[in-house]
Amino acid sequence: MRTRPLKVALLGCGVVGSEVARIMTTHADDLTARIGAPVELAGVAVRRPSKVREGIDPALVTTDATALLKRGDIDVAIEVIGGIEPARTLITTAFEHGISVVSANKALLAQDGAALHAAAEQHGLDLYYEAAVAGAIPLVRPMRESLAGDKINRVMGIVNGTTNFILDKMDSTGAGYQEALDEATALGYAEADPTADVEGYDAAAKAAILAGIAFHTRVRLDDVYREGMTEVSSADFASAKRMGCTIKLLAILERAADGESVTARVHPAMIPLTHPLASVREAYNAVFVEAEAAGRLMFYGPGAGGSPTASAVLGDLVAVCRNKLAEATGPGESAYTQLPVSPMGDVVTRYHISLDVADKPGVLAQVATTFAEHGVSIDTVRQQGKDGEASLVVVTHRAPDAALSGTVEALRKLDTVRGVASIMRVEGE
């Protein structure tokens, strides 16, 4: 066993970073045995050096992350700063100085993953990022290593714990969106500004990363169709229950049937209660991977939080350190297919549409004609009326999303349609 320690620079020491430092200290002997050499926390870069960080030697703390990376003895950098800058510059600096990187930065990887992979490859170094996608859930490495000999056709899952907690509370307790969000905030599941979570930005970044790995092509954040969940209402859940469904914010990545393109999208959807994702409760994540030979695989567990995310970071650290000792690198970017990402309009989906209509003869026929004119077939219809007003709920068969959107716009123009109460996609059959 090598006695000279592998030295680690920790960039960022918030909830995740402090937990990484704690585990490195308390599990030092186990990490040494698993890696084949000691690992040493050689420096911690922070913005506020005066803050007390329990268990971390103040002598290791610095505000100059660049100087820490350039000092010449660092083997691995762990980046848990988040955001685009200064994280991007620091990771690039690490590569330029012979330092492999472990990152939890989903936003940066979704935006500039190709450039970072290229920089790592240029310098013969590792870029690992298991913690960027689903917290403690092993997902990135199984997809890019264990399934490397298979063909992945579809990935569908819940990849944001905050939104799943909110939707679960709305479903199980009948709470409204704001009430459920307030509870999530009080419990620490939601940030003071929850926009990144509830508007789907966080899930979209993770979807971009997973799509690139699954389909061996480059998918950027801008390629992912994104729709938030702030408009989901108690009435939507009531409609879902009548269909034997619940509602989840899903990331869905698919290879086209002809294999010539891929799609990536994040949006709320109704899924049958019989689907395994329907039973994912609280702030948990779960991801289905469908591969040709392996079939359907499900990965489940806590998707956020200091300890779960730190677990994924430490797993990557062990792998990268082993590679360092072997003078090798792990798998890098695989983008050989160069498949185009199709727009959302080309995606084949189902819709659940709730309409407020006039309660008079001929309304249903007029609505059905509108669907037919746009080439959309109706699966089921439910109508209830009283005092000249009625609600009409239509569930469609699968059709191109553009045709469904066009149908909705045409319905809005009918004089018998008072309004479109809600629109939601149906998935998971």
Protein backbone atom coordinates (compact mmCIF):
# COMPACT_ATOMS: atom_id res chain seq x y z
CA MET A 1 0.00 0.00 0.00
CA ARG A 2 1.21 3.47 -0.86
CA THR A 3 1.99 5.55 2.23
CA ARG A 4 2.12 9.03 0.66
CA PRO A 5 -1.42 10.41 0.88
CA LEU A 6 -3.48 11.52 -2.07
CA LYS A 7 -4.29 15.15 -1.40
CA VAL A 8 -7.80 16.52 -1.88
CA ALA A 9 -8.92 20.13 -2.33
CA LEU A 10 -12.51 20.79 -1.28
CA LEU A 11 -14.07 23.66 -3.19
CA GLY A 12 -17.12 24.76 -1.22
CA CYS A 13 -18.08 23.87 2.31
CA GLY A 14 -21.82 24.26 2.65
CA VAL A 15 -24.25 21.51 3.58
CA VAL A 16 -22.72 18.97 1.19
CA GLY A 17 -19.10 20.08 1.49
CA SER A 18 -19.08 20.00 5.28
CA GLU A 19 -20.55 16.49 5.21
CA VAL A 20 -17.89 15.39 2.72
CA ALA A 21 -15.18 16.71 5.06
CA ARG A 22 -16.76 14.95 8.04
CA ILE A 23 -16.94 11.57 6.29
CA MET A 24 -13.38 11.91 4.99
CA THR A 25 -12.24 12.41 8.59
CA THR A 26 -14.38 9.84 10.40
CA HIS A 27 -13.98 7.13 7.75
CA ALA A 28 -10.33 7.81 6.98
CA ASP A 29 -9.14 4.27 7.75
CA ASP A 30 -11.86 2.66 5.65
CA LEU A 31 -11.18 5.00 2.74
CA THR A 32 -7.47 4.18 2.94
CA ALA A 33 -8.21 0.45 2.82
CA ARG A 34 -10.62 0.80 -0.11
CA ILE A 35 -8.39 3.07 -2.15
CA GLY A 36 -4.98 1.55 -1.38
CA ALA A 37 -3.50 4.82 -0.10
CA PRO A 38 -4.40 7.44 2.48
CA VAL A 39 -6.46 10.45 1.41
CA GLU A 40 -5.84 13.78 3.03
CA LEU A 41 -8.01 16.88 3.05
CA ALA A 42 -5.34 19.39 2.05
CA GLY A 43 -7.41 22.57 1.75
CA VAL A 44 -10.94 23.92 1.89
CA ALA A 45 -11.90 26.91 -0.27
CA VAL A 46 -14.78 29.02 1.05
CA ARG A 47 -16.28 32.48 0.63
CA ARG A 48 -16.70 33.24 4.35
CA PRO A 49 -13.59 32.14 6.27
CA SER A 50 -14.86 33.49 9.60
CA LYS A 51 -17.71 30.96 9.77
CA VAL A 52 -17.12 28.19 12.30
CA ARG A 53 -16.90 24.80 10.58
CA GLU A 54 -17.02 22.00 13.11
CA GLY A 55 -14.42 19.30 12.58
CA ILE A 56 -12.40 21.27 10.01
CA ASP A 57 -8.97 22.61 10.95
CA PRO A 58 -9.11 26.41 10.44
CA ALA A 59 -5.60 26.22 9.02
CA LEU A 60 -7.00 24.38 5.97
CA VAL A 61 -9.52 27.11 5.17
CA THR A 62 -8.79 29.62 2.41
CA THR A 63 -10.68 32.11 0.29
CA ASP A 64 -8.25 31.69 -2.62
CA ALA A 65 -9.44 28.57 -4.41
CA THR A 66 -7.22 29.24 -7.41
CA ALA A 67 -4.07 29.38 -5.30
CA LEU A 68 -5.12 26.14 -3.59
CA LEU A 69 -5.35 24.39 -6.96
CA LYS A 70 -2.08 25.85 -8.21
CA ARG A 71 0.08 24.98 -5.24
CA GLY A 72 1.36 21.82 -6.92
CA ASP A 73 0.51 18.94 -4.58
CA ILE A 74 -3.26 18.47 -5.09
CA ASP A 75 -4.38 15.17 -6.67
CA VAL A 76 -8.19 15.53 -6.67
CA ALA A 77 -10.53 18.51 -6.42
CA ILE A 78 -14.08 18.12 -5.12
CA GLU A 79 -16.30 20.91 -6.47
CA VAL A 80 -19.51 21.48 -4.48
CA ILE A 81 -19.84 25.22 -5.04
CA GLY A 82 -22.68 25.00 -7.55
CA GLY A 83 -23.62 27.49 -10.25
CA ILE A 84 -21.65 28.35 -13.37
CA GLU A 85 -18.92 30.65 -12.13
CA PRO A 86 -16.47 30.46 -10.46
CA ALA A 87 -17.01 26.69 -10.62
CA ARG A 88 -16.30 26.43 -14.36
CA THR A 89 -13.04 28.39 -14.14
CA LEU A 90 -11.89 26.44 -11.08
CA ILE A 91 -12.57 23.06 -12.69
CA THR A 92 -10.69 24.14 -15.81
CA THR A 93 -7.81 25.37 -13.63
CA ALA A 94 -7.74 22.02 -11.85
CA PHE A 95 -7.37 20.17 -15.14
CA GLU A 96 -4.61 22.50 -16.27
CA HIS A 97 -2.68 21.61 -13.13
CA GLY A 98 -3.06 17.83 -13.40
CA ILE A 99 -5.94 17.52 -10.92
CA SER A 100 -8.88 15.17 -11.47
CA VAL A 101 -12.31 16.50 -10.49
CA VAL A 102 -15.35 15.20 -8.65
CA SER A 103 -18.33 17.53 -9.05
CA ALA A 104 -21.94 17.75 -7.88
CA ASN A 105 -22.69 20.67 -10.20
CA LYS A 106 -25.68 19.72 -12.36
CA ALA A 107 -26.22 23.22 -13.78
CA LEU A 108 -22.65 23.51 -15.05
CA LEU A 109 -22.51 19.98 -16.43
CA ALA A 110 -25.82 20.43 -18.25
CA GLN A 111 -24.59 23.67 -19.83
CA ASP A 112 -20.88 23.01 -20.45
CA GLY A 113 -20.40 19.29 -19.94
CA ALA A 114 -18.91 18.77 -23.40
CA ALA A 115 -16.21 21.40 -22.86
CA LEU A 116 -15.35 20.08 -19.41
CA HIS A 117 -15.12 16.50 -20.67
CA ALA A 118 -12.87 17.68 -23.50
CA ALA A 119 -10.59 19.47 -21.04
CA ALA A 120 -10.40 16.38 -18.81
CA GLU A 121 -9.56 14.17 -21.80
CA GLN A 122 -6.96 16.63 -23.09
CA HIS A 123 -5.07 16.42 -19.81
CA GLY A 124 -5.65 12.70 -19.24
CA LEU A 125 -7.75 13.22 -16.11
CA ASP A 126 -11.07 12.15 -14.61
CA LEU A 127 -14.33 14.08 -14.37
CA TYR A 128 -16.84 12.24 -12.16
CA TYR A 129 -20.27 13.58 -11.20
CA GLU A 130 -22.53 10.92 -9.69
CA ALA A 131 -23.82 13.42 -7.12
CA ALA A 132 -25.03 15.82 -9.81
CA VAL A 133 -28.05 13.73 -10.81
CA ALA A 134 -29.84 11.89 -8.02
CA GLY A 135 -28.09 12.33 -4.69
CA ALA A 136 -27.12 9.01 -3.16
CA ILE A 137 -28.76 6.93 -5.88
CA PRO A 138 -26.10 5.14 -7.99
CA LEU A 139 -27.26 6.06 -11.48
CA VAL A 140 -24.55 7.72 -13.57
CA ARG A 141 -21.99 4.97 -13.16
CA PRO A 142 -24.43 2.08 -13.77
CA MET A 143 -25.62 3.81 -16.94
CA ARG A 144 -22.21 4.61 -18.35
CA GLU A 145 -20.41 1.49 -17.12
CA SER A 146 -22.73 -1.39 -16.16
CA LEU A 147 -25.00 -0.76 -19.18
CA ALA A 148 -22.19 0.18 -21.55
CA GLY A 149 -22.81 -2.98 -23.59
CA ASP A 150 -26.56 -2.45 -23.81
CA LYS A 151 -28.81 -0.01 -25.69
CA ILE A 152 -30.89 2.32 -23.54
CA ASN A 153 -34.14 3.40 -25.18
CA ARG A 154 -35.95 5.28 -22.44
CA VAL A 155 -35.35 6.87 -19.06
CA MET A 156 -38.25 8.14 -16.97
CA GLY A 157 -38.13 9.26 -13.40
CA ILE A 158 -38.61 11.59 -10.47
CA VAL A 159 -35.33 13.46 -10.06
CA ASN A 160 -36.28 16.31 -7.74
CA GLY A 161 -37.19 15.59 -4.14
CA THR A 162 -38.73 18.99 -3.39
CA THR A 163 -41.35 18.73 -6.12
CA ASN A 164 -42.12 15.14 -5.25
CA PHE A 165 -42.68 16.12 -1.61
CA ILE A 166 -45.07 18.91 -2.62
CA LEU A 167 -47.05 16.77 -5.06
CA ASP A 168 -47.19 13.89 -2.61
CA LYS A 169 -48.66 16.15 0.07
CA MET A 170 -51.22 17.55 -2.38
CA ASP A 171 -52.21 13.99 -3.27
CA SER A 172 -52.26 12.43 0.19
CA THR A 173 -53.70 15.30 2.25
CA GLY A 174 -55.68 17.35 -0.26
CA ALA A 175 -53.51 20.40 0.42
CA GLY A 176 -53.25 23.15 -2.16
CA TYR A 177 -49.97 23.95 -3.89
CA GLN A 178 -49.03 26.88 -1.64
CA GLU A 179 -49.86 24.99 1.54
CA ALA A 180 -47.72 22.04 0.47
CA LEU A 181 -44.87 24.35 -0.57
CA ASP A 182 -44.97 26.09 2.82
CA GLU A 183 -44.65 22.72 4.55
CA ALA A 184 -41.73 21.75 2.31
CA THR A 185 -40.02 25.04 3.14
CA ALA A 186 -40.57 24.62 6.88
CA LEU A 187 -39.03 21.14 6.76
CA GLY A 188 -36.02 22.33 4.77
CA TYR A 189 -36.93 20.52 1.56
CA ALA A 190 -37.54 23.76 -0.37
CA GLU A 191 -35.24 26.77 -0.63
CA ALA A 192 -36.40 30.28 0.28
CA ASP A 193 -36.61 30.80 -3.50
CA PRO A 194 -37.95 27.46 -4.81
CA THR A 195 -38.01 28.51 -8.47
CA ALA A 196 -35.28 26.14 -9.65
CA ASP A 197 -37.20 23.19 -8.23
CA VAL A 198 -40.87 23.99 -8.84
CA GLU A 199 -40.35 25.41 -12.33
CA GLY A 200 -38.40 22.32 -13.38
CA TYR A 201 -34.97 23.89 -13.97
CA ASP A 202 -33.22 21.52 -11.55
CA ALA A 203 -34.87 18.46 -13.10
CA ALA A 204 -34.13 19.71 -16.62
CA ALA A 205 -30.41 20.00 -15.87
CA LYS A 206 -30.39 16.44 -14.56
CA ALA A 207 -32.37 15.29 -17.60
CA ALA A 208 -29.78 16.79 -19.95
CA ILE A 209 -26.96 14.94 -18.18
CA LEU A 210 -28.81 11.63 -18.14
CA ALA A 211 -29.87 11.91 -21.79
CA GLY A 212 -26.27 12.44 -22.86
CA ILE A 213 -25.16 9.33 -20.99
CA ALA A 214 -28.12 7.18 -22.04
CA PHE A 215 -28.02 7.97 -25.74
CA HIS A 216 -24.30 8.69 -26.26
CA THR A 217 -25.04 12.11 -27.67
CA ARG A 218 -24.69 15.69 -26.49
CA VAL A 219 -27.80 17.10 -24.87
CA ARG A 220 -27.64 20.59 -23.38
CA LEU A 221 -30.00 22.21 -20.93
CA ASP A 222 -31.47 24.30 -23.74
CA ASP A 223 -32.46 21.09 -25.56
CA VAL A 224 -34.73 19.96 -22.72
CA TYR A 225 -38.41 20.91 -22.86
CA ARG A 226 -39.33 22.23 -19.42
CA GLU A 227 -42.67 22.84 -17.77
CA GLY A 228 -43.05 23.60 -14.06
CA MET A 229 -45.65 22.34 -11.60
CA THR A 230 -46.91 25.58 -10.06
CA GLU A 231 -50.21 25.36 -11.95
CA VAL A 232 -51.05 21.87 -10.68
CA SER A 233 -54.19 22.15 -8.56
CA SER A 234 -56.29 20.11 -6.16
CA ALA A 235 -58.82 19.77 -8.99
CA ASP A 236 -56.12 18.12 -11.14
CA PHE A 237 -55.52 15.56 -8.40
CA ALA A 238 -59.23 14.92 -8.13
CA SER A 239 -59.37 14.26 -11.88
CA ALA A 240 -56.31 12.03 -11.64
CA LYS A 241 -57.90 9.96 -8.88
CA ARG A 242 -61.03 9.43 -10.97
CA MET A 243 -58.73 7.94 -13.62
CA GLY A 244 -56.86 5.78 -11.11
CA CYS A 245 -53.80 8.03 -11.40
CA THR A 246 -51.63 10.43 -9.44
CA ILE A 247 -49.46 13.34 -10.59
CA LYS A 248 -45.65 13.50 -10.62
CA LEU A 249 -43.09 15.89 -12.09
CA LEU A 250 -41.25 13.58 -14.49
CA ALA A 251 -38.06 13.72 -16.48
CA ILE A 252 -38.61 11.65 -19.64
CA LEU A 253 -35.83 10.85 -22.10
CA GLU A 254 -36.57 8.76 -25.17
CA ARG A 255 -34.87 7.41 -28.26
CA ALA A 256 -37.10 7.71 -31.34
CA ALA A 257 -38.54 4.47 -32.71
CA ASP A 258 -36.34 4.78 -35.81
CA GLY A 259 -33.29 5.45 -33.65
CA GLU A 260 -32.46 8.63 -35.56
CA SER A 261 -33.22 11.21 -32.84
CA VAL A 262 -33.88 11.63 -29.13
CA THR A 263 -36.19 13.73 -26.97
CA ALA A 264 -35.75 15.14 -23.48
CA ARG A 265 -38.52 16.72 -21.45
CA VAL A 266 -39.56 17.63 -17.92
CA HIS A 267 -43.20 18.29 -17.03
CA PRO A 268 -46.01 17.24 -14.67
CA ALA A 269 -47.86 14.13 -15.79
CA MET A 270 -50.59 11.80 -14.63
CA ILE A 271 -49.37 8.25 -14.10
CA PRO A 272 -51.42 5.16 -13.14
CA LEU A 273 -51.40 4.17 -9.48
CA THR A 274 -50.20 0.75 -10.65
CA HIS A 275 -46.95 2.26 -11.96
CA PRO A 276 -44.01 1.91 -9.52
CA LEU A 277 -43.26 5.64 -9.72
CA ALA A 278 -46.73 6.40 -8.35
CA SER A 279 -45.71 4.98 -4.95
CA VAL A 280 -42.59 7.15 -4.59
CA ARG A 281 -43.40 9.31 -1.56
CA GLU A 282 -42.05 12.30 0.32
CA ALA A 283 -38.73 13.72 -0.99
CA TYR A 284 -37.51 10.48 -2.56
CA ASN A 285 -36.33 10.05 -6.14
CA ALA A 286 -36.78 7.09 -8.47
CA VAL A 287 -35.66 6.51 -12.05
CA PHE A 288 -36.71 3.85 -14.55
CA VAL A 289 -34.17 2.87 -17.18
CA GLU A 290 -35.40 0.75 -20.10
CA ALA A 291 -32.68 -1.10 -22.02
CA GLU A 292 -32.97 -3.63 -24.83
CA ALA A 293 -31.18 -6.51 -23.13
CA ALA A 294 -31.50 -5.65 -19.43
CA GLY A 295 -35.16 -4.69 -19.63
CA ARG A 296 -36.64 -2.30 -17.07
CA LEU A 297 -34.43 -1.27 -14.15
CA MET A 298 -35.51 0.96 -11.26
CA PHE A 299 -33.16 3.06 -9.12
CA TYR A 300 -34.68 4.43 -5.92
CA GLY A 301 -33.52 6.41 -2.90
CA PRO A 302 -32.99 9.83 -1.31
CA GLY A 303 -32.18 12.30 -4.07
CA ALA A 304 -30.91 15.27 -2.06
CA GLY A 305 -29.56 16.37 1.30
CA GLY A 306 -26.09 16.67 2.76
CA SER A 307 -25.43 13.06 3.71
CA PRO A 308 -26.92 11.35 0.62
CA THR A 309 -25.14 13.73 -1.77
CA ALA A 310 -21.88 13.41 0.17
CA SER A 311 -22.17 9.62 -0.13
CA ALA A 312 -22.20 9.93 -3.93
CA VAL A 313 -19.27 12.38 -3.84
CA LEU A 314 -17.19 10.03 -1.69
CA GLY A 315 -17.99 7.12 -4.01
CA ASP A 316 -16.60 9.13 -6.90
CA LEU A 317 -13.59 10.16 -4.83
CA VAL A 318 -12.72 6.52 -4.17
CA ALA A 319 -13.02 5.68 -7.89
CA VAL A 320 -10.92 8.66 -8.98
CA CYS A 321 -8.23 7.98 -6.38
CA ARG A 322 -8.00 4.34 -7.48
CA ASN A 323 -7.56 5.54 -11.05
CA LYS A 324 -4.79 7.89 -9.90
CA LEU A 325 -2.92 5.04 -8.27
CA ALA A 326 -3.32 2.89 -11.39
CA GLU A 327 -2.25 5.82 -13.60
CA ALA A 328 -5.46 5.37 -15.54
CA THR A 329 -8.73 7.21 -16.10
CA GLY A 330 -12.33 6.09 -15.99
CA PRO A 331 -14.89 6.49 -18.77
CA GLY A 332 -15.23 9.98 -20.20
CA GLU A 333 -17.83 11.49 -22.47
CA SER A 334 -19.41 9.16 -25.03
CA ALA A 335 -21.06 11.23 -27.77
CA TYR A 336 -20.37 9.15 -30.84
CA THR A 337 -23.99 8.91 -32.01
CA GLN A 338 -24.42 12.69 -32.48
CA LEU A 339 -28.20 12.26 -32.56
CA PRO A 340 -30.34 15.39 -32.94
CA VAL A 341 -32.73 16.35 -30.16
CA SER A 342 -36.27 16.63 -31.53
CA PRO A 343 -38.54 19.47 -30.40
CA MET A 344 -41.42 18.83 -28.03
CA GLY A 345 -43.93 19.15 -30.85
CA ASP A 346 -42.64 15.89 -32.35
CA VAL A 347 -43.07 13.94 -29.11
CA VAL A 348 -45.99 11.48 -29.11
CA THR A 349 -48.01 11.90 -25.90
CA ARG A 350 -51.49 11.63 -24.40
CA TYR A 351 -53.46 14.54 -22.97
CA HIS A 352 -55.98 14.92 -20.17
CA ILE A 353 -57.98 18.08 -20.97
CA SER A 354 -60.65 19.61 -18.75
CA LEU A 355 -62.98 22.09 -20.47
CA ASP A 356 -65.65 24.42 -19.14
CA VAL A 357 -68.43 24.35 -21.77
CA ALA A 358 -72.01 25.43 -22.32
CA ASP A 359 -74.49 22.80 -21.24
CA LYS A 360 -76.51 22.45 -24.41
CA PRO A 361 -77.00 19.95 -27.25
CA GLY A 362 -74.23 19.62 -29.82
CA VAL A 363 -71.33 20.73 -27.64
CA LEU A 364 -69.76 17.28 -27.42
CA ALA A 365 -70.09 16.80 -31.17
CA GLN A 366 -68.41 20.16 -31.80
CA VAL A 367 -65.56 19.32 -29.48
CA ALA A 368 -65.13 15.84 -31.00
CA THR A 369 -65.06 17.35 -34.49
CA THR A 370 -62.27 19.72 -33.43
CA PHE A 371 -60.18 16.80 -32.20
CA ALA A 372 -60.81 14.90 -35.43
CA GLU A 373 -59.83 17.88 -37.59
CA HIS A 374 -56.42 17.90 -35.90
CA GLY A 375 -55.91 14.15 -36.26
CA VAL A 376 -56.26 13.42 -32.55
CA SER A 377 -58.24 10.37 -31.43
CA ILE A 378 -60.29 10.51 -28.23
CA ASP A 379 -59.93 7.70 -25.70
CA THR A 380 -62.55 8.67 -23.10
CA VAL A 381 -64.96 11.55 -22.42
CA ARG A 382 -66.76 12.49 -19.20
CA GLN A 383 -69.35 15.28 -19.05
CA GLN A 384 -71.20 16.81 -16.12
CA GLY A 385 -73.61 19.72 -16.42
CA LYS A 386 -75.84 21.97 -14.33
CA ASP A 387 -77.68 25.28 -14.83
CA GLY A 388 -76.44 25.87 -18.35
CA GLU A 389 -72.77 25.19 -17.56
CA ALA A 390 -70.84 21.92 -17.84
CA SER A 391 -67.42 20.42 -17.44
CA LEU A 392 -66.05 18.15 -20.14
CA VAL A 393 -63.02 15.96 -19.49
CA VAL A 394 -61.33 14.43 -22.52
CA VAL A 395 -58.50 11.90 -22.45
CA THR A 396 -56.81 11.37 -25.81
CA HIS A 397 -54.95 8.55 -27.43
CA ARG A 398 -51.29 9.14 -28.22
CA ALA A 399 -50.57 11.78 -30.84
CA PRO A 400 -47.82 14.27 -31.70
CA ASP A 401 -47.66 16.98 -29.06
CA ALA A 402 -47.94 19.66 -31.75
CA ALA A 403 -51.28 18.21 -32.89
CA LEU A 404 -52.54 18.14 -29.32
CA SER A 405 -51.43 21.73 -28.71
CA GLY A 406 -53.13 22.80 -31.94
CA THR A 407 -56.32 21.06 -30.82
CA VAL A 408 -56.32 22.96 -27.53
CA GLU A 409 -55.86 26.29 -29.30
CA ALA A 410 -58.76 25.48 -31.63
CA LEU A 411 -60.95 24.49 -28.68
CA ARG A 412 -60.32 27.86 -27.06
CA LYS A 413 -61.89 29.54 -30.10
CA LEU A 414 -65.17 27.62 -29.96
CA ASP A 415 -68.05 29.76 -28.77
CA THR A 416 -69.37 26.84 -26.71
CA VAL A 417 -66.09 26.48 -24.79
CA ARG A 418 -65.99 28.88 -21.83
CA GLY A 419 -62.41 28.01 -20.94
CA VAL A 420 -59.73 25.35 -20.64
CA ALA A 421 -59.58 24.50 -16.94
CA SER A 422 -56.49 22.29 -17.11
CA ILE A 423 -54.23 20.39 -19.49
CA MET A 424 -51.93 17.59 -18.42
CA ARG A 425 -50.02 14.84 -20.16
CA VAL A 426 -50.63 11.19 -19.27
CA GLU A 427 -47.62 8.85 -19.03
CA GLY A 428 -46.61 5.47 -17.75
CA GLU A 429 -48.97 3.03 -19.43
